[in-house]
C-alpha cells in the first residue's frame, strides 16, 4: 500500500501497462499518462458489472462525514496545486510548494498532539 492507503506507486504503472496491453484502456493524450476505458474495456465492465460493483460508492458509504470532508478538501488542494503547476510562474510554483510543505507538517503536528499553527521550524 502507498503512503495514503492506496496502491503503491510502483504497482500503478505496471497495472496500467497490463490493462493497456489487454486493450481495456487507452491513453487520452492529456497530460501525463491519463487513460480512459477503451470500447473493449467498457464492454468488459458492463459484462462484469455485478461482480465489480461500484467501488467509489462503496468507499463513500463507509466514510464518515468528517472523513468525506477531509477527502474533499484534499482533492480541492490537489486541484489548486495542479493549476499552479500548469499556469504559475517559477516564483508561484515555489511558493505553492512551500504552502504544501507547511500544510503537511501541520497535519503531522496535529497527529502528534500539538496545537494547530505551531512553529514550522
PDB file of N, CA and C in Angstrom:
ATOM      1  N   UNK A   1       0.832  -1.175   0.000  1.00  0.00           N
ATOM      2  CA  UNK A   1       0.000   0.000   0.000  1.00  0.00           C
ATOM      3  C   UNK A   1       0.880   1.242   0.000  1.00  0.00           C
ATOM      4  N   UNK A   2       0.365   2.290  -0.616  1.00  0.00           N
ATOM      5  CA  UNK A   2       1.081   3.549  -0.667  1.00  0.00           C
ATOM      6  C   UNK A   2       0.940   4.313   0.637  1.00  0.00           C
ATOM      7  N   UNK A   3       1.565   5.470   0.698  1.00  0.00           N
ATOM      8  CA  UNK A   3       1.603   6.287   1.902  1.00  0.00           C
ATOM      9  C   UNK A   3       0.209   6.662   2.392  1.00  0.00           C
ATOM     10  N   UNK A   4      -0.761   6.819   1.502  1.00  0.00           N
ATOM     11  CA  UNK A   4      -2.092   7.291   1.894  1.00  0.00           C
ATOM     12  C   UNK A   4      -3.132   6.182   1.852  1.00  0.00           C
ATOM     13  N   UNK A   5      -2.708   4.931   1.927  1.00  0.00           N
ATOM     14  CA  UNK A   5      -3.647   3.829   1.981  1.00  0.00           C
ATOM     15  C   UNK A   5      -4.041   3.288   0.623  1.00  0.00           C
ATOM     16  N   UNK A   6      -3.588   3.899  -0.453  1.00  0.00           N
ATOM     17  CA  UNK A   6      -3.868   3.417  -1.799  1.00  0.00           C
ATOM     18  C   UNK A   6      -2.744   2.516  -2.268  1.00  0.00           C
ATOM     19  N   UNK A   7      -2.809   2.086  -3.503  1.00  0.00           N
ATOM     20  CA  UNK A   7      -1.753   1.227  -4.021  1.00  0.00           C
ATOM     21  C   UNK A   7      -0.426   1.972  -4.098  1.00  0.00           C
ATOM     22  N   UNK A   8       0.658   1.255  -3.956  1.00  0.00           N
ATOM     23  CA  UNK A   8       1.984   1.854  -4.055  1.00  0.00           C
ATOM     24  C   UNK A   8       2.231   2.320  -5.483  1.00  0.00           C
ATOM     25  N   UNK A   9       2.977   3.426  -5.622  1.00  0.00           N
ATOM     26  CA  UNK A   9       3.262   4.000  -6.939  1.00  0.00           C
ATOM     27  C   UNK A   9       3.849   2.953  -7.883  1.00  0.00           C
ATOM     28  N   UNK A  10       4.727   2.099  -7.371  1.00  0.00           N
ATOM     29  CA  UNK A  10       5.371   1.084  -8.202  1.00  0.00           C
ATOM     30  C   UNK A  10       4.427   0.031  -8.747  1.00  0.00           C
ATOM     31  N   UNK A  11       3.218  -0.049  -8.195  1.00  0.00           N
ATOM     32  CA  UNK A  11       2.265  -1.036  -8.698  1.00  0.00           C
ATOM     33  C   UNK A  11       1.273  -0.438  -9.686  1.00  0.00           C
ATOM     34  N   UNK A  12       1.178   0.881  -9.748  1.00  0.00           N
ATOM     35  CA  UNK A  12       0.205   1.536 -10.626  1.00  0.00           C
ATOM     36  C   UNK A  12       0.586   1.374 -12.088  1.00  0.00           C
ATOM     37  N   UNK A  13       1.818   1.774 -12.429  1.00  0.00           N
ATOM     38  CA  UNK A  13       2.202   1.780 -13.839  1.00  0.00           C
ATOM     39  C   UNK A  13       2.255   0.375 -14.458  1.00  0.00           C
ATOM     40  N   UNK A  14       2.748  -0.638 -13.740  1.00  0.00           N
ATOM     41  CA  UNK A  14       2.661  -1.982 -14.326  1.00  0.00           C
ATOM     42  C   UNK A  14       1.213  -2.428 -14.568  1.00  0.00           C
ATOM     43  N   UNK A  15       0.312  -2.058 -13.631  1.00  0.00           N
ATOM     44  CA  UNK A  15      -1.104  -2.414 -13.809  1.00  0.00           C
ATOM     45  C   UNK A  15      -1.688  -1.687 -15.020  1.00  0.00           C
ATOM     46  N   UNK A  16      -1.365  -0.391 -15.166  1.00  0.00           N
ATOM     47  CA  UNK A  16      -1.842   0.358 -16.334  1.00  0.00           C
ATOM     48  C   UNK A  16      -1.297  -0.236 -17.623  1.00  0.00           C
ATOM     49  N   UNK A  17      -0.017  -0.604 -17.614  1.00  0.00           N
ATOM     50  CA  UNK A  17       0.585  -1.211 -18.808  1.00  0.00           C
ATOM     51  C   UNK A  17      -0.105  -2.509 -19.179  1.00  0.00           C
ATOM     52  N   UNK A  18      -0.418  -3.318 -18.173  1.00  0.00           N
ATOM     53  CA  UNK A  18      -1.103  -4.583 -18.446  1.00  0.00           C
ATOM     54  C   UNK A  18      -2.500  -4.333 -19.011  1.00  0.00           C
ATOM     55  N   UNK A  19      -3.247  -3.409 -18.408  1.00  0.00           N
ATOM     56  CA  UNK A  19      -4.585  -3.097 -18.914  1.00  0.00           C
ATOM     57  C   UNK A  19      -4.522  -2.550 -20.343  1.00  0.00           C
ATOM     58  N   UNK A  20      -3.500  -1.745 -20.625  1.00  0.00           N
ATOM     59  CA  UNK A  20      -3.339  -1.213 -21.977  1.00  0.00           C
ATOM     60  C   UNK A  20      -2.980  -2.340 -22.951  1.00  0.00           C
ATOM     61  N   UNK A  21      -2.083  -3.239 -22.540  1.00  0.00           N
ATOM     62  CA  UNK A  21      -1.714  -4.383 -23.385  1.00  0.00           C
ATOM     63  C   UNK A  21      -2.917  -5.267 -23.688  1.00  0.00           C
ATOM     64  N   UNK A  22      -3.826  -5.368 -22.726  1.00  0.00           N
ATOM     65  CA  UNK A  22      -5.029  -6.188 -22.913  1.00  0.00           C
ATOM     66  C   UNK A  22      -6.107  -5.447 -23.701  1.00  0.00           C
ATOM     67  N   UNK A  23      -5.854  -4.184 -24.033  1.00  0.00           N
ATOM     68  CA  UNK A  23      -6.807  -3.411 -24.820  1.00  0.00           C
ATOM     69  C   UNK A  23      -7.987  -2.875 -24.031  1.00  0.00           C
ATOM     70  N   UNK A  24      -7.891  -2.889 -22.706  1.00  0.00           N
ATOM     71  CA  UNK A  24      -9.011  -2.449 -21.879  1.00  0.00           C
ATOM     72  C   UNK A  24      -8.996  -0.951 -21.598  1.00  0.00           C
ATOM     73  N   UNK A  25      -7.815  -0.332 -21.689  1.00  0.00           N
ATOM     74  CA  UNK A  25      -7.706   1.116 -21.533  1.00  0.00           C
ATOM     75  C   UNK A  25      -6.851   1.659 -22.664  1.00  0.00           C
ATOM     76  N   UNK A  26      -6.949   2.970 -22.873  1.00  0.00           N
ATOM     77  CA  UNK A  26      -6.128   3.628 -23.881  1.00  0.00           C
ATOM     78  C   UNK A  26      -5.769   5.019 -23.388  1.00  0.00           C
ATOM     79  N   UNK A  27      -4.567   5.506 -23.770  1.00  0.00           N
ATOM     80  CA  UNK A  27      -4.171   6.849 -23.331  1.00  0.00           C
ATOM     81  C   UNK A  27      -5.121   7.898 -23.889  1.00  0.00           C
ATOM     82  N   UNK A  28      -5.363   8.938 -23.096  1.00  0.00           N
ATOM     83  CA  UNK A  28      -6.250  10.011 -23.555  1.00  0.00           C
ATOM     84  C   UNK A  28      -5.484  11.064 -24.338  1.00  0.00           C
ATOM     85  N   UNK A  29      -4.152  11.091 -24.175  1.00  0.00           N
ATOM     86  CA  UNK A  29      -3.352  12.115 -24.829  1.00  0.00           C
ATOM     87  C   UNK A  29      -3.290  13.394 -24.026  1.00  0.00           C
ATOM     88  N   UNK A  30      -3.928  13.415 -22.865  1.00  0.00           N
ATOM     89  CA  UNK A  30      -3.932  14.590 -21.994  1.00  0.00           C
ATOM     90  C   UNK A  30      -2.948  14.370 -20.857  1.00  0.00           C
ATOM     91  N   UNK A  31      -2.022  15.290 -20.690  1.00  0.00           N
ATOM     92  CA  UNK A  31      -1.132  15.248 -19.540  1.00  0.00           C
ATOM     93  C   UNK A  31      -0.302  13.992 -19.469  1.00  0.00           C
ATOM     94  N   UNK A  32       0.138  13.697 -18.264  1.00  0.00           N
ATOM     95  CA  UNK A  32       0.992  12.551 -18.022  1.00  0.00           C
ATOM     96  C   UNK A  32       0.159  11.302 -17.791  1.00  0.00           C
ATOM     97  N   UNK A  33       0.254  10.378 -18.663  1.00  0.00           N
ATOM     98  CA  UNK A  33      -0.349   9.057 -18.502  1.00  0.00           C
ATOM     99  C   UNK A  33      -1.788   9.092 -18.008  1.00  0.00           C
ATOM    100  N   UNK A  34      -2.633   9.806 -18.706  1.00  0.00           N
ATOM    101  CA  UNK A  34      -4.065   9.769 -18.405  1.00  0.00           C
ATOM    102  C   UNK A  34      -4.697   8.723 -19.315  1.00  0.00           C
ATOM    103  N   UNK A  35      -5.581   7.917 -18.776  1.00  0.00           N
ATOM    104  CA  UNK A  35      -6.197   6.826 -19.527  1.00  0.00           C
ATOM    105  C   UNK A  35      -7.707   6.909 -19.450  1.00  0.00           C
ATOM    106  N   UNK A  36      -8.341   6.250 -20.396  1.00  0.00           N
ATOM    107  CA  UNK A  36      -9.784   6.073 -20.385  1.00  0.00           C
ATOM    108  C   UNK A  36     -10.063   4.628 -20.795  1.00  0.00           C
ATOM    109  N   UNK A  37     -11.248   4.153 -20.465  1.00  0.00           N
ATOM    110  CA  UNK A  37     -11.613   2.808 -20.913  1.00  0.00           C
ATOM    111  C   UNK A  37     -11.738   2.799 -22.426  1.00  0.00           C
ATOM    112  N   UNK A  38     -11.228   1.750 -23.031  1.00  0.00           N
ATOM    113  CA  UNK A  38     -11.426   1.561 -24.466  1.00  0.00           C
ATOM    114  C   UNK A  38     -12.831   0.994 -24.657  1.00  0.00           C
ATOM    115  N   UNK A  39     -13.266   0.853 -25.891  1.00  0.00           N
ATOM    116  CA  UNK A  39     -14.584   0.249 -26.122  1.00  0.00           C
ATOM    117  C   UNK A  39     -14.594  -1.180 -25.596  1.00  0.00           C
ATOM    118  N   UNK A  40     -13.493  -1.901 -25.750  1.00  0.00           N
ATOM    119  CA  UNK A  40     -13.399  -3.259 -25.212  1.00  0.00           C
ATOM    120  C   UNK A  40     -13.449  -3.231 -23.677  1.00  0.00           C
ATOM    121  N   UNK A  41     -12.822  -2.229 -23.076  1.00  0.00           N
ATOM    122  CA  UNK A  41     -12.853  -2.088 -21.620  1.00  0.00           C
ATOM    123  C   UNK A  41     -14.247  -1.802 -21.108  1.00  0.00           C
ATOM    124  N   UNK A  42     -14.987  -0.926 -21.822  1.00  0.00           N
ATOM    125  CA  UNK A  42     -16.368  -0.636 -21.418  1.00  0.00           C
ATOM    126  C   UNK A  42     -17.235  -1.888 -21.524  1.00  0.00           C
ATOM    127  N   UNK A  43     -17.037  -2.672 -22.571  1.00  0.00           N
ATOM    128  CA  UNK A  43     -17.787  -3.918 -22.712  1.00  0.00           C
ATOM    129  C   UNK A  43     -17.468  -4.874 -21.568  1.00  0.00           C
ATOM    130  N   UNK A  44     -16.199  -4.950 -21.189  1.00  0.00           N
ATOM    131  CA  UNK A  44     -15.799  -5.816 -20.085  1.00  0.00           C
ATOM    132  C   UNK A  44     -16.469  -5.388 -18.788  1.00  0.00           C
ATOM    133  N   UNK A  45     -16.458  -4.083 -18.517  1.00  0.00           N
ATOM    134  CA  UNK A  45     -17.075  -3.574 -17.291  1.00  0.00           C
ATOM    135  C   UNK A  45     -18.563  -3.891 -17.285  1.00  0.00           C
ATOM    136  N   UNK A  46     -19.234  -3.641 -18.386  1.00  0.00           N
ATOM    137  CA  UNK A  46     -20.671  -3.929 -18.455  1.00  0.00           C
ATOM    138  C   UNK A  46     -20.951  -5.412 -18.265  1.00  0.00           C
ATOM    139  N   UNK A  47     -20.141  -6.268 -18.866  1.00  0.00           N
ATOM    140  CA  UNK A  47     -20.354  -7.712 -18.740  1.00  0.00           C
ATOM    141  C   UNK A  47     -20.089  -8.207 -17.318  1.00  0.00           C
ATOM    142  N   UNK A  48     -19.285  -7.478 -16.575  1.00  0.00           N
ATOM    143  CA  UNK A  48     -18.907  -7.894 -15.222  1.00  0.00           C
ATOM    144  C   UNK A  48     -19.396  -6.924 -14.145  1.00  0.00           C
ATOM    145  N   UNK A  49     -20.391  -6.110 -14.480  1.00  0.00           N
ATOM    146  CA  UNK A  49     -20.863  -5.052 -13.578  1.00  0.00           C
ATOM    147  C   UNK A  49     -21.261  -5.596 -12.211  1.00  0.00           C
ATOM    148  N   UNK A  50     -22.012  -6.685 -12.167  1.00  0.00           N
ATOM    149  CA  UNK A  50     -22.488  -7.201 -10.882  1.00  0.00           C
ATOM    150  C   UNK A  50     -21.324  -7.648 -10.006  1.00  0.00           C
ATOM    151  N   UNK A  51     -20.352  -8.311 -10.582  1.00  0.00           N
ATOM    152  CA  UNK A  51     -19.194  -8.782  -9.824  1.00  0.00           C
ATOM    153  C   UNK A  51     -18.320  -7.613  -9.375  1.00  0.00           C
ATOM    154  N   UNK A  52     -18.181  -6.599 -10.224  1.00  0.00           N
ATOM    155  CA  UNK A  52     -17.311  -5.465  -9.921  1.00  0.00           C
ATOM    156  C   UNK A  52     -17.955  -4.476  -8.958  1.00  0.00           C
ATOM    157  N   UNK A  53     -19.269  -4.337  -9.008  1.00  0.00           N
ATOM    158  CA  UNK A  53     -19.954  -3.386  -8.149  1.00  0.00           C
ATOM    159  C   UNK A  53     -19.601  -1.957  -8.534  1.00  0.00           C
ATOM    160  N   UNK A  54     -19.777  -1.052  -7.615  1.00  0.00           N
ATOM    161  CA  UNK A  54     -19.425   0.356  -7.826  1.00  0.00           C
ATOM    162  C   UNK A  54     -18.471   0.756  -6.704  1.00  0.00           C
ATOM    163  N   UNK A  55     -17.160   0.623  -6.948  1.00  0.00           N
ATOM    164  CA  UNK A  55     -16.192   0.799  -5.859  1.00  0.00           C
ATOM    165  C   UNK A  55     -16.237   2.154  -5.188  1.00  0.00           C
ATOM    166  N   UNK A  56     -16.429   3.251  -5.917  1.00  0.00           N
ATOM    167  CA  UNK A  56     -16.406   4.569  -5.275  1.00  0.00           C
ATOM    168  C   UNK A  56     -17.637   4.769  -4.409  1.00  0.00           C
ATOM    169  N   UNK A  57     -18.767   4.183  -4.802  1.00  0.00           N
ATOM    170  CA  UNK A  57     -19.968   4.277  -3.975  1.00  0.00           C
ATOM    171  C   UNK A  57     -19.740   3.548  -2.656  1.00  0.00           C
ATOM    172  N   UNK A  58     -19.123   2.375  -2.717  1.00  0.00           N
ATOM    173  CA  UNK A  58     -18.845   1.598  -1.522  1.00  0.00           C
ATOM    174  C   UNK A  58     -17.925   2.367  -0.581  1.00  0.00           C
ATOM    175  N   UNK A  59     -16.900   3.001  -1.127  1.00  0.00           N
ATOM    176  CA  UNK A  59     -15.972   3.768  -0.307  1.00  0.00           C
ATOM    177  C   UNK A  59     -16.699   4.933   0.346  1.00  0.00           C
ATOM    178  N   UNK A  60     -17.509   5.649  -0.422  1.00  0.00           N
ATOM    179  CA  UNK A  60     -18.214   6.819   0.103  1.00  0.00           C
ATOM    180  C   UNK A  60     -19.210   6.431   1.186  1.00  0.00           C
ATOM    181  N   UNK A  61     -19.892   5.281   1.032  1.00  0.00           N
ATOM    182  CA  UNK A  61     -20.885   4.868   2.014  1.00  0.00           C
ATOM    183  C   UNK A  61     -20.254   4.549   3.358  1.00  0.00           C
ATOM    184  N   UNK A  62     -19.003   4.073   3.344  1.00  0.00           N
ATOM    185  CA  UNK A  62     -18.353   3.694   4.589  1.00  0.00           C
ATOM    186  C   UNK A  62     -17.652   4.841   5.278  1.00  0.00           C
ATOM    187  N   UNK A  63     -17.604   6.000   4.661  1.00  0.00           N
ATOM    188  CA  UNK A  63     -16.854   7.120   5.221  1.00  0.00           C
ATOM    189  C   UNK A  63     -17.759   8.016   6.054  1.00  0.00           C
ATOM    190  N   UNK A  64     -17.220   8.488   7.161  1.00  0.00           N
ATOM    191  CA  UNK A  64     -17.960   9.443   7.980  1.00  0.00           C
ATOM    192  C   UNK A  64     -18.003  10.776   7.237  1.00  0.00           C
ATOM    193  N   UNK A  65     -18.873  11.659   7.663  1.00  0.00           N
ATOM    194  CA  UNK A  65     -18.954  12.961   7.015  1.00  0.00           C
ATOM    195  C   UNK A  65     -17.653  13.736   7.223  1.00  0.00           C
ATOM    196  N   UNK A  66     -17.007  13.549   8.383  1.00  0.00           N
ATOM    197  CA  UNK A  66     -15.725  14.217   8.620  1.00  0.00           C
ATOM    198  C   UNK A  66     -14.678  13.728   7.636  1.00  0.00           C
ATOM    199  N   UNK A  67     -14.610  12.407   7.440  1.00  0.00           N
ATOM    200  CA  UNK A  67     -13.634  11.842   6.516  1.00  0.00           C
ATOM    201  C   UNK A  67     -13.934  12.275   5.084  1.00  0.00           C
ATOM    202  N   UNK A  68     -15.201  12.312   4.720  1.00  0.00           N
ATOM    203  CA  UNK A  68     -15.578  12.777   3.387  1.00  0.00           C
ATOM    204  C   UNK A  68     -15.172  14.231   3.182  1.00  0.00           C
ATOM    205  N   UNK A  69     -15.374  15.057   4.194  1.00  0.00           N
ATOM    206  CA  UNK A  69     -14.986  16.460   4.102  1.00  0.00           C
ATOM    207  C   UNK A  69     -13.484  16.626   3.974  1.00  0.00           C
ATOM    208  N   UNK A  70     -12.726  15.827   4.729  1.00  0.00           N
ATOM    209  CA  UNK A  70     -11.270  15.881   4.633  1.00  0.00           C
ATOM    210  C   UNK A  70     -10.811  15.450   3.243  1.00  0.00           C
ATOM    211  N   UNK A  71     -11.424  14.389   2.715  1.00  0.00           N
ATOM    212  CA  UNK A  71     -11.083  13.921   1.371  1.00  0.00           C
ATOM    213  C   UNK A  71     -11.397  15.002   0.335  1.00  0.00           C
ATOM    214  N   UNK A  72     -12.548  15.633   0.455  1.00  0.00           N
ATOM    215  CA  UNK A  72     -12.923  16.697  -0.481  1.00  0.00           C
ATOM    216  C   UNK A  72     -11.926  17.856  -0.421  1.00  0.00           C
ATOM    217  N   UNK A  73     -11.517  18.224   0.801  1.00  0.00           N
ATOM    218  CA  UNK A  73     -10.545  19.310   0.954  1.00  0.00           C
ATOM    219  C   UNK A  73      -9.203  18.924   0.340  1.00  0.00           C
ATOM    220  N   UNK A  74      -8.787  17.689   0.535  1.00  0.00           N
ATOM    221  CA  UNK A  74      -7.532  17.222  -0.050  1.00  0.00           C
ATOM    222  C   UNK A  74      -7.574  17.235  -1.568  1.00  0.00           C
ATOM    223  N   UNK A  75      -8.692  16.823  -2.131  1.00  0.00           N
ATOM    224  CA  UNK A  75      -8.836  16.839  -3.587  1.00  0.00           C
ATOM    225  C   UNK A  75      -8.844  18.266  -4.115  1.00  0.00           C
ATOM    226  N   UNK A  76      -9.494  19.179  -3.408  1.00  0.00           N
ATOM    227  CA  UNK A  76      -9.516  20.572  -3.834  1.00  0.00           C
ATOM    228  C   UNK A  76      -8.109  21.174  -3.771  1.00  0.00           C
ATOM    229  N   UNK A  77      -7.352  20.817  -2.732  1.00  0.00           N
ATOM    230  CA  UNK A  77      -5.973  21.291  -2.619  1.00  0.00           C
ATOM    231  C   UNK A  77      -5.127  20.759  -3.769  1.00  0.00           C
ATOM    232  N   UNK A  78      -5.294  19.494  -4.094  1.00  0.00           N
ATOM    233  CA  UNK A  78      -4.547  18.903  -5.203  1.00  0.00           C
ATOM    234  C   UNK A  78      -4.897  19.576  -6.527  1.00  0.00           C
ATOM    235  N   UNK A  79      -6.158  19.898  -6.725  1.00  0.00           N
ATOM    236  CA  UNK A  79      -6.569  20.578  -7.953  1.00  0.00           C
ATOM    237  C   UNK A  79      -5.957  21.971  -8.038  1.00  0.00           C
ATOM    238  N   UNK A  80      -5.918  22.686  -6.906  1.00  0.00           N
ATOM    239  CA  UNK A  80      -5.318  24.016  -6.894  1.00  0.00           C
ATOM    240  C   UNK A  80      -3.824  23.926  -7.190  1.00  0.00           C
ATOM    241  N   UNK A  81      -3.148  22.950  -6.611  1.00  0.00           N
ATOM    242  CA  UNK A  81      -1.717  22.769  -6.865  1.00  0.00           C
ATOM    243  C   UNK A  81      -1.467  22.438  -8.334  1.00  0.00           C
ATOM    244  N   UNK A  82      -2.339  21.652  -8.925  1.00  0.00           N
ATOM    245  CA  UNK A  82      -2.214  21.319 -10.345  1.00  0.00           C
ATOM    246  C   UNK A  82      -2.345  22.567 -11.204  1.00  0.00           C
ATOM    247  N   UNK A  83      -3.287  23.426 -10.841  1.00  0.00           N
ATOM    248  CA  UNK A  83      -3.463  24.679 -11.594  1.00  0.00           C
ATOM    249  C   UNK A  83      -2.223  25.563 -11.489  1.00  0.00           C
ATOM    250  N   UNK A  84      -1.647  25.652 -10.279  1.00  0.00           N
ATOM    251  CA  UNK A  84      -0.424  26.443 -10.116  1.00  0.00           C
ATOM    252  C   UNK A  84       0.692  25.831 -10.960  1.00  0.00           C
ATOM    253  N   UNK A  85       0.809  24.516 -10.942  1.00  0.00           N
ATOM    254  CA  UNK A  85       1.859  23.848 -11.711  1.00  0.00           C
ATOM    255  C   UNK A  85       1.698  24.094 -13.211  1.00  0.00           C
ATOM    256  N   UNK A  86       0.454  24.144 -13.679  1.00  0.00           N
ATOM    257  CA  UNK A  86       0.203  24.324 -15.114  1.00  0.00           C
ATOM    258  C   UNK A  86       0.344  25.773 -15.565  1.00  0.00           C
ATOM    259  N   UNK A  87      -0.049  26.719 -14.717  1.00  0.00           N
ATOM    260  CA  UNK A  87      -0.125  28.108 -15.176  1.00  0.00           C
ATOM    261  C   UNK A  87       0.753  29.083 -14.403  1.00  0.00           C
ATOM    262  N   UNK A  88       1.326  28.644 -13.290  1.00  0.00           N
ATOM    263  CA  UNK A  88       2.106  29.551 -12.461  1.00  0.00           C
ATOM    264  C   UNK A  88       3.506  29.780 -13.003  1.00  0.00           C
ATOM    265  N   UNK A  89       4.092  30.893 -12.569  1.00  0.00           N
ATOM    266  CA  UNK A  89       5.492  31.139 -12.919  1.00  0.00           C
ATOM    267  C   UNK A  89       6.365  30.448 -11.864  1.00  0.00           C
ATOM    268  N   UNK A  90       7.678  30.543 -12.022  1.00  0.00           N
ATOM    269  CA  UNK A  90       8.602  29.847 -11.129  1.00  0.00           C
ATOM    270  C   UNK A  90       8.415  30.255  -9.670  1.00  0.00           C
ATOM    271  N   UNK A  91       8.217  31.544  -9.435  1.00  0.00           N
ATOM    272  CA  UNK A  91       8.043  32.019  -8.061  1.00  0.00           C
ATOM    273  C   UNK A  91       6.749  31.490  -7.449  1.00  0.00           C
ATOM    274  N   UNK A  92       5.683  31.466  -8.221  1.00  0.00           N
ATOM    275  CA  UNK A  92       4.403  30.957  -7.724  1.00  0.00           C
ATOM    276  C   UNK A  92       4.490  29.457  -7.433  1.00  0.00           C
ATOM    277  N   UNK A  93       5.166  28.737  -8.296  1.00  0.00           N
ATOM    278  CA  UNK A  93       5.318  27.292  -8.083  1.00  0.00           C
ATOM    279  C   UNK A  93       6.113  27.023  -6.811  1.00  0.00           C
ATOM    280  N   UNK A  94       7.191  27.764  -6.598  1.00  0.00           N
ATOM    281  CA  UNK A  94       7.990  27.600  -5.372  1.00  0.00           C
ATOM    282  C   UNK A  94       7.165  27.962  -4.150  1.00  0.00           C
ATOM    283  N   UNK A  95       6.406  29.059  -4.201  1.00  0.00           N
ATOM    284  CA  UNK A  95       5.562  29.464  -3.075  1.00  0.00           C
ATOM    285  C   UNK A  95       4.500  28.401  -2.793  1.00  0.00           C
ATOM    286  N   UNK A  96       3.936  27.823  -3.825  1.00  0.00           N
ATOM    287  CA  UNK A  96       2.930  26.766  -3.647  1.00  0.00           C
ATOM    288  C   UNK A  96       3.551  25.541  -2.990  1.00  0.00           C
ATOM    289  N   UNK A  97       4.775  25.200  -3.377  1.00  0.00           N
ATOM    290  CA  UNK A  97       5.459  24.066  -2.747  1.00  0.00           C
ATOM    291  C   UNK A  97       5.649  24.329  -1.259  1.00  0.00           C
ATOM    292  N   UNK A  98       6.029  25.561  -0.916  1.00  0.00           N
ATOM    293  CA  UNK A  98       6.222  25.911   0.489  1.00  0.00           C
ATOM    294  C   UNK A  98       4.896  25.822   1.257  1.00  0.00           C
ATOM    295  N   UNK A  99       3.810  26.268   0.656  1.00  0.00           N
ATOM    296  CA  UNK A  99       2.491  26.175   1.294  1.00  0.00           C
ATOM    297  C   UNK A  99       2.129  24.714   1.545  1.00  0.00           C
ATOM    298  N   UNK A 100       2.359  23.877   0.565  1.00  0.00           N
ATOM    299  CA  UNK A 100       2.012  22.461   0.704  1.00  0.00           C
ATOM    300  C   UNK A 100       2.900  21.783   1.746  1.00  0.00           C
ATOM    301  N   UNK A 101       4.196  22.125   1.767  1.00  0.00           N
ATOM    302  CA  UNK A 101       5.081  21.562   2.789  1.00  0.00           C
ATOM    303  C   UNK A 101       4.628  21.978   4.183  1.00  0.00           C
ATOM    304  N   UNK A 102       4.233  23.243   4.332  1.00  0.00           N
ATOM    305  CA  UNK A 102       3.740  23.744   5.619  1.00  0.00           C
ATOM    306  C   UNK A 102       2.472  22.979   6.036  1.00  0.00           C
ATOM    307  N   UNK A 103       1.580  22.773   5.096  1.00  0.00           N
ATOM    308  CA  UNK A 103       0.337  22.053   5.394  1.00  0.00           C
ATOM    309  C   UNK A 103       0.642  20.620   5.833  1.00  0.00           C
ATOM    310  N   UNK A 104       1.554  19.955   5.143  1.00  0.00           N
ATOM    311  CA  UNK A 104       1.913  18.575   5.501  1.00  0.00           C
ATOM    312  C   UNK A 104       2.477  18.514   6.911  1.00  0.00           C
ATOM    313  N   UNK A 105       3.404  19.423   7.227  1.00  0.00           N
ATOM    314  CA  UNK A 105       3.994  19.435   8.567  1.00  0.00           C
ATOM    315  C   UNK A 105       2.932  19.743   9.628  1.00  0.00           C
ATOM    316  N   UNK A 106       2.021  20.644   9.318  1.00  0.00           N
ATOM    317  CA  UNK A 106       0.952  20.984  10.257  1.00  0.00           C
ATOM    318  C   UNK A 106       0.060  19.782  10.539  1.00  0.00           C
ATOM    319  N   UNK A 107      -0.239  19.009   9.531  1.00  0.00           N
ATOM    320  CA  UNK A 107      -1.071  17.815   9.729  1.00  0.00           C
ATOM    321  C   UNK A 107      -0.370  16.800  10.625  1.00  0.00           C
ATOM    322  N   UNK A 108       0.919  16.616  10.419  1.00  0.00           N
ATOM    323  CA  UNK A 108       1.649  15.693  11.284  1.00  0.00           C
ATOM    324  C   UNK A 108       1.719  16.211  12.723  1.00  0.00           C
ATOM    325  N   UNK A 109       1.820  17.532  12.886  1.00  0.00           N
ATOM    326  CA  UNK A 109       1.814  18.096  14.234  1.00  0.00           C
ATOM    327  C   UNK A 109       0.465  17.837  14.919  1.00  0.00           C
ATOM    328  N   UNK A 110      -0.620  17.896  14.167  1.00  0.00           N
ATOM    329  CA  UNK A 110      -1.940  17.567  14.750  1.00  0.00           C
ATOM    330  C   UNK A 110      -1.934  16.151  15.308  1.00  0.00           C
ATOM    331  N   UNK A 111      -1.386  15.223  14.526  1.00  0.00           N
ATOM    332  CA  UNK A 111      -1.330  13.830  14.982  1.00  0.00           C
ATOM    333  C   UNK A 111      -0.443  13.669  16.206  1.00  0.00           C
ATOM    334  N   UNK A 112       0.558  14.525  16.321  1.00  0.00           N
ATOM    335  CA  UNK A 112       1.469  14.466  17.463  1.00  0.00           C
ATOM    336  C   UNK A 112       0.867  15.153  18.691  1.00  0.00           C
ATOM    337  N   UNK A 113      -0.318  15.725  18.545  1.00  0.00           N
ATOM    338  CA  UNK A 113      -0.990  16.359  19.677  1.00  0.00           C
ATOM    339  C   UNK A 113      -0.599  17.800  19.901  1.00  0.00           C
ATOM    340  N   UNK A 114       0.108  18.389  18.961  1.00  0.00           N
ATOM    341  CA  UNK A 114       0.493  19.792  19.101  1.00  0.00           C
ATOM    342  C   UNK A 114      -0.658  20.679  18.668  1.00  0.00           C
ATOM    343  N   UNK A 115      -0.615  21.910  19.122  1.00  0.00           N
ATOM    344  CA  UNK A 115      -1.631  22.885  18.753  1.00  0.00           C
ATOM    345  C   UNK A 115      -1.476  23.266  17.285  1.00  0.00           C
ATOM    346  N   UNK A 116      -2.595  23.451  16.548  1.00  0.00           N
ATOM    347  CA  UNK A 116      -2.512  23.906  15.159  1.00  0.00           C
ATOM    348  C   UNK A 116      -1.813  25.264  15.095  1.00  0.00           C
ATOM    349  N   UNK A 117      -1.072  25.490  13.995  1.00  0.00           N
ATOM    350  CA  UNK A 117      -0.421  26.772  13.785  1.00  0.00           C
ATOM    351  C   UNK A 117       0.899  26.916  14.502  1.00  0.00           C
ATOM    352  N   UNK A 118       1.459  25.811  14.998  1.00  0.00           N
ATOM    353  CA  UNK A 118       2.737  25.885  15.707  1.00  0.00           C
ATOM    354  C   UNK A 118       3.877  26.257  14.774  1.00  0.00           C
ATOM    355  N   UNK A 119       5.053  26.364  15.350  1.00  0.00           N
ATOM    356  CA  UNK A 119       6.256  26.737  14.597  1.00  0.00           C
ATOM    357  C   UNK A 119       6.530  25.725  13.506  1.00  0.00           C
ATOM    358  N   UNK A 120       7.058  26.220  12.383  1.00  0.00           N
ATOM    359  CA  UNK A 120       7.331  25.354  11.229  1.00  0.00           C
ATOM    360  C   UNK A 120       8.816  25.041  11.130  1.00  0.00           C
ATOM    361  N   UNK A 121       9.549  25.210  12.171  1.00  0.00           N
ATOM    362  CA  UNK A 121      10.998  25.033  12.135  1.00  0.00           C
ATOM    363  C   UNK A 121      11.405  23.617  11.900  1.00  0.00           C
TER     364      UNK A 121
END
